[in-house]
Amino acid sequence: MATKKHKLTGKQIVSRASFCFGNVGHSAFYGVMSTYFIIFVTGGMFNGLPKSVSNRLIGLITGLIVGVRILELLIDPLLGNVVDNTKSRWGKFKPWIMTGNIVSVILLLILFTGIFGLAKVNWILFAVLL
């Protein structure tokens, strides 16, 4: 059985390359979150706080990460449905990829500032915002 080969158009090449670069960005973001963030939280973010407060915040953040991952299992199929039903002039994926990347960058920058030192000023508000 012979396979039919077809040439990709310029638009298709750009679309596939955009998806690949978006995926690389997503993977890099996840790598930062899953490794450096834990080291940052346990090692440097709570310097200067009392040990008991620091331990409670580390436990809270760890619990939140586990909770978010479990919640993600329930939400992912719903988000997949939303993406599949998106109709825009850029297609169904590109608006969500761009929005997700921009929001992720902003939140990552804010997060690594320790929400601008809020943990040292009011650790309860910091925990609520986190």
N, C-alpha and C. Protein backbone atom coordinates (compact mmCIF):
# COMPACT_ATOMS: atom_id res chain seq x y z
N MET A 1 0.84 -1.17 0.00
CA MET A 1 0.00 0.00 0.00
C MET A 1 0.90 1.24 0.00
N ALA A 2 0.74 2.08 -0.96
CA ALA A 2 1.56 3.28 -1.07
C ALA A 2 0.97 4.39 -0.21
N THR A 3 1.87 5.12 0.41
CA THR A 3 1.40 6.26 1.21
C THR A 3 1.44 7.52 0.37
N LYS A 4 0.51 8.36 0.61
CA LYS A 4 0.42 9.60 -0.13
C LYS A 4 1.21 10.67 0.62
N LYS A 5 2.19 11.26 -0.02
CA LYS A 5 2.97 12.33 0.60
C LYS A 5 2.43 13.67 0.11
N HIS A 6 2.32 14.58 1.05
CA HIS A 6 1.92 15.92 0.66
C HIS A 6 2.87 16.93 1.29
N LYS A 7 3.07 18.02 0.58
CA LYS A 7 3.96 19.07 1.06
C LYS A 7 3.22 19.95 2.04
N LEU A 8 3.94 20.37 3.07
CA LEU A 8 3.37 21.30 4.02
C LEU A 8 3.45 22.72 3.46
N THR A 9 2.42 23.47 3.68
CA THR A 9 2.43 24.87 3.26
C THR A 9 3.22 25.68 4.29
N GLY A 10 3.56 26.89 3.94
CA GLY A 10 4.30 27.76 4.86
C GLY A 10 3.53 28.00 6.15
N LYS A 11 2.21 28.16 6.04
CA LYS A 11 1.37 28.40 7.21
C LYS A 11 1.38 27.17 8.14
N GLN A 12 1.36 25.98 7.56
CA GLN A 12 1.39 24.76 8.37
C GLN A 12 2.74 24.61 9.07
N ILE A 13 3.82 24.96 8.40
CA ILE A 13 5.15 24.88 9.00
C ILE A 13 5.24 25.84 10.18
N VAL A 14 4.77 27.07 9.99
CA VAL A 14 4.78 28.06 11.08
C VAL A 14 3.92 27.58 12.24
N SER A 15 2.78 27.03 11.93
CA SER A 15 1.89 26.54 12.97
C SER A 15 2.53 25.41 13.78
N ARG A 16 3.16 24.47 13.10
CA ARG A 16 3.80 23.36 13.80
C ARG A 16 5.02 23.83 14.59
N ALA A 17 5.78 24.75 14.04
CA ALA A 17 6.94 25.29 14.75
C ALA A 17 6.49 26.05 16.00
N SER A 18 5.40 26.82 15.87
CA SER A 18 4.87 27.56 17.02
C SER A 18 4.46 26.61 18.14
N PHE A 19 3.81 25.52 17.76
CA PHE A 19 3.40 24.54 18.76
C PHE A 19 4.63 23.94 19.45
N CYS A 20 5.66 23.61 18.68
CA CYS A 20 6.89 23.03 19.24
C CYS A 20 7.55 23.99 20.22
N PHE A 21 7.68 25.27 19.82
CA PHE A 21 8.31 26.25 20.71
C PHE A 21 7.46 26.49 21.95
N GLY A 22 6.14 26.50 21.80
CA GLY A 22 5.25 26.64 22.95
C GLY A 22 5.41 25.48 23.91
N ASN A 23 5.57 24.28 23.37
CA ASN A 23 5.74 23.10 24.20
C ASN A 23 7.08 23.14 24.94
N VAL A 24 8.12 23.63 24.26
CA VAL A 24 9.42 23.78 24.92
C VAL A 24 9.30 24.75 26.09
N GLY A 25 8.59 25.87 25.88
CA GLY A 25 8.38 26.84 26.94
C GLY A 25 7.61 26.25 28.11
N HIS A 26 6.60 25.48 27.80
CA HIS A 26 5.81 24.84 28.85
C HIS A 26 6.66 23.85 29.63
N SER A 27 7.46 23.07 28.92
CA SER A 27 8.32 22.09 29.60
C SER A 27 9.36 22.79 30.47
N ALA A 28 9.92 23.89 29.98
CA ALA A 28 10.90 24.64 30.77
C ALA A 28 10.23 25.22 32.02
N PHE A 29 9.02 25.73 31.86
CA PHE A 29 8.28 26.27 33.00
C PHE A 29 8.03 25.19 34.04
N TYR A 30 7.59 24.02 33.60
CA TYR A 30 7.34 22.93 34.54
C TYR A 30 8.63 22.49 35.22
N GLY A 31 9.73 22.44 34.47
CA GLY A 31 11.01 22.07 35.07
C GLY A 31 11.42 23.02 36.17
N VAL A 32 11.23 24.31 35.93
CA VAL A 32 11.55 25.31 36.95
C VAL A 32 10.66 25.12 38.17
N MET A 33 9.38 24.94 37.93
CA MET A 33 8.45 24.81 39.05
C MET A 33 8.69 23.55 39.87
N SER A 34 9.02 22.47 39.21
CA SER A 34 9.14 21.21 39.94
C SER A 34 10.48 21.02 40.64
N THR A 35 11.49 21.76 40.26
CA THR A 35 12.79 21.58 40.90
C THR A 35 13.22 22.81 41.68
N TYR A 36 13.48 23.89 40.97
CA TYR A 36 14.03 25.07 41.62
C TYR A 36 13.07 25.66 42.65
N PHE A 37 11.78 25.65 42.35
CA PHE A 37 10.82 26.23 43.28
C PHE A 37 10.87 25.54 44.64
N ILE A 38 10.93 24.23 44.65
CA ILE A 38 11.00 23.50 45.92
C ILE A 38 12.27 23.86 46.67
N ILE A 39 13.38 23.95 45.95
CA ILE A 39 14.64 24.34 46.60
C ILE A 39 14.54 25.77 47.11
N PHE A 40 13.94 26.65 46.32
CA PHE A 40 13.77 28.05 46.71
C PHE A 40 12.91 28.16 47.96
N VAL A 41 11.80 27.43 47.99
CA VAL A 41 10.90 27.49 49.14
C VAL A 41 11.57 26.95 50.39
N THR A 42 12.20 25.80 50.28
CA THR A 42 12.77 25.18 51.47
C THR A 42 14.09 25.81 51.89
N GLY A 43 14.77 26.48 50.97
CA GLY A 43 16.09 27.01 51.31
C GLY A 43 16.19 28.50 51.50
N GLY A 44 15.50 29.30 50.70
CA GLY A 44 15.77 30.71 50.75
C GLY A 44 14.60 31.64 50.97
N MET A 45 13.41 31.21 50.63
CA MET A 45 12.28 32.12 50.66
C MET A 45 11.92 32.59 52.07
N PHE A 46 12.12 31.74 53.04
CA PHE A 46 11.67 32.06 54.39
C PHE A 46 12.81 32.36 55.35
N ASN A 47 13.95 32.75 54.81
CA ASN A 47 15.05 33.17 55.68
C ASN A 47 14.61 34.38 56.48
N GLY A 48 14.91 34.37 57.76
CA GLY A 48 14.54 35.49 58.62
C GLY A 48 13.22 35.30 59.33
N LEU A 49 12.46 34.26 58.96
CA LEU A 49 11.21 33.97 59.66
C LEU A 49 11.49 33.01 60.81
N PRO A 50 10.68 33.04 61.84
CA PRO A 50 10.84 32.03 62.91
C PRO A 50 10.70 30.62 62.33
N LYS A 51 11.44 29.68 62.90
CA LYS A 51 11.47 28.29 62.39
C LYS A 51 10.08 27.67 62.34
N SER A 52 9.24 27.91 63.36
CA SER A 52 7.91 27.31 63.38
C SER A 52 7.04 27.84 62.24
N VAL A 53 7.11 29.14 61.98
CA VAL A 53 6.34 29.74 60.88
C VAL A 53 6.86 29.22 59.55
N SER A 54 8.16 29.16 59.41
CA SER A 54 8.77 28.66 58.18
C SER A 54 8.34 27.22 57.90
N ASN A 55 8.37 26.38 58.91
CA ASN A 55 7.96 24.98 58.74
C ASN A 55 6.49 24.87 58.35
N ARG A 56 5.64 25.70 58.96
CA ARG A 56 4.21 25.67 58.62
C ARG A 56 3.99 26.11 57.17
N LEU A 57 4.69 27.13 56.74
CA LEU A 57 4.54 27.60 55.36
C LEU A 57 5.04 26.57 54.36
N ILE A 58 6.16 25.91 54.66
CA ILE A 58 6.67 24.86 53.77
C ILE A 58 5.66 23.72 53.68
N GLY A 59 5.09 23.33 54.81
CA GLY A 59 4.06 22.28 54.80
C GLY A 59 2.83 22.70 54.02
N LEU A 60 2.42 23.96 54.19
CA LEU A 60 1.26 24.47 53.48
C LEU A 60 1.51 24.48 51.97
N ILE A 61 2.66 24.95 51.55
CA ILE A 61 2.99 25.02 50.12
C ILE A 61 3.07 23.61 49.53
N THR A 62 3.68 22.70 50.25
CA THR A 62 3.75 21.32 49.77
C THR A 62 2.36 20.73 49.61
N GLY A 63 1.50 20.96 50.60
CA GLY A 63 0.12 20.48 50.52
C GLY A 63 -0.63 21.10 49.36
N LEU A 64 -0.41 22.40 49.13
CA LEU A 64 -1.07 23.07 48.01
C LEU A 64 -0.62 22.50 46.67
N ILE A 65 0.66 22.22 46.54
CA ILE A 65 1.17 21.65 45.29
C ILE A 65 0.53 20.29 45.04
N VAL A 66 0.45 19.46 46.06
CA VAL A 66 -0.19 18.14 45.91
C VAL A 66 -1.66 18.32 45.57
N GLY A 67 -2.33 19.23 46.27
CA GLY A 67 -3.75 19.47 46.02
C GLY A 67 -4.02 19.98 44.60
N VAL A 68 -3.18 20.88 44.14
CA VAL A 68 -3.35 21.41 42.78
C VAL A 68 -3.15 20.31 41.75
N ARG A 69 -2.17 19.44 41.96
CA ARG A 69 -1.95 18.35 41.01
C ARG A 69 -3.15 17.40 40.97
N ILE A 70 -3.77 17.13 42.11
CA ILE A 70 -4.96 16.27 42.14
C ILE A 70 -6.13 16.98 41.48
N LEU A 71 -6.32 18.27 41.78
CA LEU A 71 -7.38 19.05 41.17
C LEU A 71 -7.19 19.13 39.65
N GLU A 72 -5.94 19.19 39.23
CA GLU A 72 -5.64 19.24 37.80
C GLU A 72 -6.16 17.99 37.06
N LEU A 73 -6.12 16.85 37.73
CA LEU A 73 -6.65 15.62 37.12
C LEU A 73 -8.14 15.76 36.81
N LEU A 74 -8.86 16.49 37.64
CA LEU A 74 -10.29 16.66 37.43
C LEU A 74 -10.61 17.77 36.42
N ILE A 75 -9.78 18.79 36.40
CA ILE A 75 -10.05 19.96 35.56
C ILE A 75 -9.55 19.78 34.13
N ASP A 76 -8.49 19.03 33.92
CA ASP A 76 -7.91 18.88 32.57
C ASP A 76 -8.90 18.44 31.50
N PRO A 77 -9.76 17.46 31.76
CA PRO A 77 -10.73 17.10 30.71
C PRO A 77 -11.68 18.25 30.36
N LEU A 78 -12.05 19.05 31.36
CA LEU A 78 -12.93 20.18 31.10
C LEU A 78 -12.21 21.25 30.26
N LEU A 79 -10.96 21.51 30.60
CA LEU A 79 -10.19 22.48 29.83
C LEU A 79 -9.96 21.99 28.40
N GLY A 80 -9.74 20.69 28.25
CA GLY A 80 -9.60 20.11 26.91
C GLY A 80 -10.84 20.35 26.07
N ASN A 81 -12.00 20.21 26.70
CA ASN A 81 -13.26 20.48 26.02
C ASN A 81 -13.36 21.93 25.58
N VAL A 82 -12.96 22.85 26.47
CA VAL A 82 -13.01 24.27 26.14
C VAL A 82 -12.09 24.57 24.95
N VAL A 83 -10.87 24.02 24.99
CA VAL A 83 -9.92 24.25 23.90
C VAL A 83 -10.45 23.66 22.60
N ASP A 84 -10.99 22.46 22.65
CA ASP A 84 -11.52 21.83 21.43
C ASP A 84 -12.67 22.61 20.82
N ASN A 85 -13.43 23.31 21.65
CA ASN A 85 -14.57 24.07 21.15
C ASN A 85 -14.26 25.54 20.87
N THR A 86 -12.99 25.92 20.98
CA THR A 86 -12.59 27.29 20.70
C THR A 86 -12.51 27.50 19.19
N LYS A 87 -13.13 28.57 18.75
CA LYS A 87 -13.07 28.93 17.34
C LYS A 87 -12.59 30.37 17.26
N SER A 88 -11.39 30.56 16.75
CA SER A 88 -10.85 31.91 16.57
C SER A 88 -10.11 31.97 15.25
N ARG A 89 -9.75 33.15 14.85
CA ARG A 89 -9.04 33.28 13.57
C ARG A 89 -7.63 32.70 13.65
N TRP A 90 -7.12 32.47 14.88
CA TRP A 90 -5.78 31.89 15.06
C TRP A 90 -5.85 30.38 15.30
N GLY A 91 -7.04 29.82 15.27
CA GLY A 91 -7.19 28.40 15.54
C GLY A 91 -7.67 28.16 16.97
N LYS A 92 -7.68 26.91 17.36
CA LYS A 92 -8.20 26.63 18.70
C LYS A 92 -7.11 26.57 19.77
N PHE A 93 -5.86 26.38 19.41
CA PHE A 93 -4.80 26.24 20.41
C PHE A 93 -4.03 27.52 20.69
N LYS A 94 -3.74 28.28 19.66
CA LYS A 94 -2.84 29.43 19.81
C LYS A 94 -3.29 30.45 20.85
N PRO A 95 -4.57 30.81 20.91
CA PRO A 95 -4.97 31.79 21.94
C PRO A 95 -4.70 31.28 23.36
N TRP A 96 -4.93 30.00 23.58
CA TRP A 96 -4.73 29.43 24.91
C TRP A 96 -3.25 29.29 25.24
N ILE A 97 -2.45 28.94 24.24
CA ILE A 97 -1.00 28.82 24.46
C ILE A 97 -0.41 30.18 24.81
N MET A 98 -0.77 31.22 24.06
CA MET A 98 -0.25 32.56 24.32
C MET A 98 -0.72 33.08 25.68
N THR A 99 -1.99 32.93 25.98
CA THR A 99 -2.52 33.39 27.27
C THR A 99 -1.84 32.66 28.41
N GLY A 100 -1.72 31.36 28.29
CA GLY A 100 -1.08 30.57 29.35
C GLY A 100 0.37 30.96 29.56
N ASN A 101 1.09 31.20 28.47
CA ASN A 101 2.50 31.60 28.60
C ASN A 101 2.65 32.95 29.27
N ILE A 102 1.84 33.91 28.89
CA ILE A 102 1.94 35.25 29.47
C ILE A 102 1.59 35.23 30.95
N VAL A 103 0.49 34.57 31.30
CA VAL A 103 0.09 34.48 32.71
C VAL A 103 1.15 33.73 33.52
N SER A 104 1.69 32.66 32.97
CA SER A 104 2.71 31.87 33.68
C SER A 104 3.96 32.70 33.96
N VAL A 105 4.40 33.48 32.98
CA VAL A 105 5.59 34.31 33.18
C VAL A 105 5.36 35.34 34.28
N ILE A 106 4.23 36.00 34.25
CA ILE A 106 3.93 37.02 35.26
C ILE A 106 3.87 36.40 36.64
N LEU A 107 3.14 35.29 36.79
CA LEU A 107 3.02 34.64 38.10
C LEU A 107 4.35 34.08 38.58
N LEU A 108 5.15 33.56 37.67
CA LEU A 108 6.46 33.02 38.06
C LEU A 108 7.36 34.13 38.59
N LEU A 109 7.36 35.27 37.94
CA LEU A 109 8.17 36.40 38.41
C LEU A 109 7.70 36.88 39.78
N ILE A 110 6.39 37.00 39.95
CA ILE A 110 5.86 37.43 41.25
C ILE A 110 6.19 36.40 42.32
N LEU A 111 6.05 35.13 41.99
CA LEU A 111 6.28 34.07 42.97
C LEU A 111 7.72 34.05 43.47
N PHE A 112 8.67 34.25 42.57
CA PHE A 112 10.07 34.20 42.97
C PHE A 112 10.55 35.47 43.66
N THR A 113 9.69 36.45 43.78
CA THR A 113 10.03 37.60 44.62
C THR A 113 9.54 37.35 46.04
N GLY A 114 8.90 36.21 46.27
CA GLY A 114 8.29 35.96 47.58
C GLY A 114 7.08 36.85 47.75
N ILE A 115 6.40 37.11 46.66
CA ILE A 115 5.29 38.06 46.58
C ILE A 115 5.74 39.38 47.21
N PHE A 116 6.89 39.84 46.72
CA PHE A 116 7.50 41.10 47.11
C PHE A 116 7.79 41.19 48.61
N GLY A 117 8.24 40.07 49.19
CA GLY A 117 8.65 40.05 50.59
C GLY A 117 7.50 39.97 51.57
N LEU A 118 6.32 39.63 51.10
CA LEU A 118 5.14 39.57 51.96
C LEU A 118 5.27 38.54 53.06
N ALA A 119 6.02 37.47 52.82
CA ALA A 119 6.16 36.42 53.84
C ALA A 119 6.82 36.96 55.11
N LYS A 120 7.67 37.94 54.96
CA LYS A 120 8.35 38.51 56.12
C LYS A 120 7.50 39.54 56.85
N VAL A 121 6.53 40.12 56.16
CA VAL A 121 5.68 41.14 56.74
C VAL A 121 4.42 40.54 57.36
N ASN A 122 3.72 39.71 56.59
CA ASN A 122 2.46 39.11 57.05
C ASN A 122 2.37 37.71 56.44
N TRP A 123 2.84 36.71 57.15
CA TRP A 123 2.92 35.37 56.58
C TRP A 123 1.56 34.74 56.38
N ILE A 124 0.53 35.16 57.12
CA ILE A 124 -0.81 34.61 56.93
C ILE A 124 -1.39 35.10 55.61
N LEU A 125 -1.24 36.38 55.32
CA LEU A 125 -1.69 36.92 54.04
C LEU A 125 -0.91 36.29 52.89
N PHE A 126 0.38 36.08 53.11
CA PHE A 126 1.20 35.42 52.10
C PHE A 126 0.65 34.03 51.79
N ALA A 127 0.31 33.26 52.81
CA ALA A 127 -0.22 31.90 52.62
C ALA A 127 -1.55 31.94 51.89
N VAL A 128 -2.38 32.92 52.20
CA VAL A 128 -3.69 33.04 51.53
C VAL A 128 -3.51 33.37 50.05
N LEU A 129 -2.61 34.29 49.74
CA LEU A 129 -2.38 34.67 48.35
C LEU A 129 -1.69 33.60 47.55
N LEU A 130 -0.88 32.80 48.22
CA LEU A 130 -0.14 31.77 47.52
C LEU A 130 -1.09 30.74 46.99
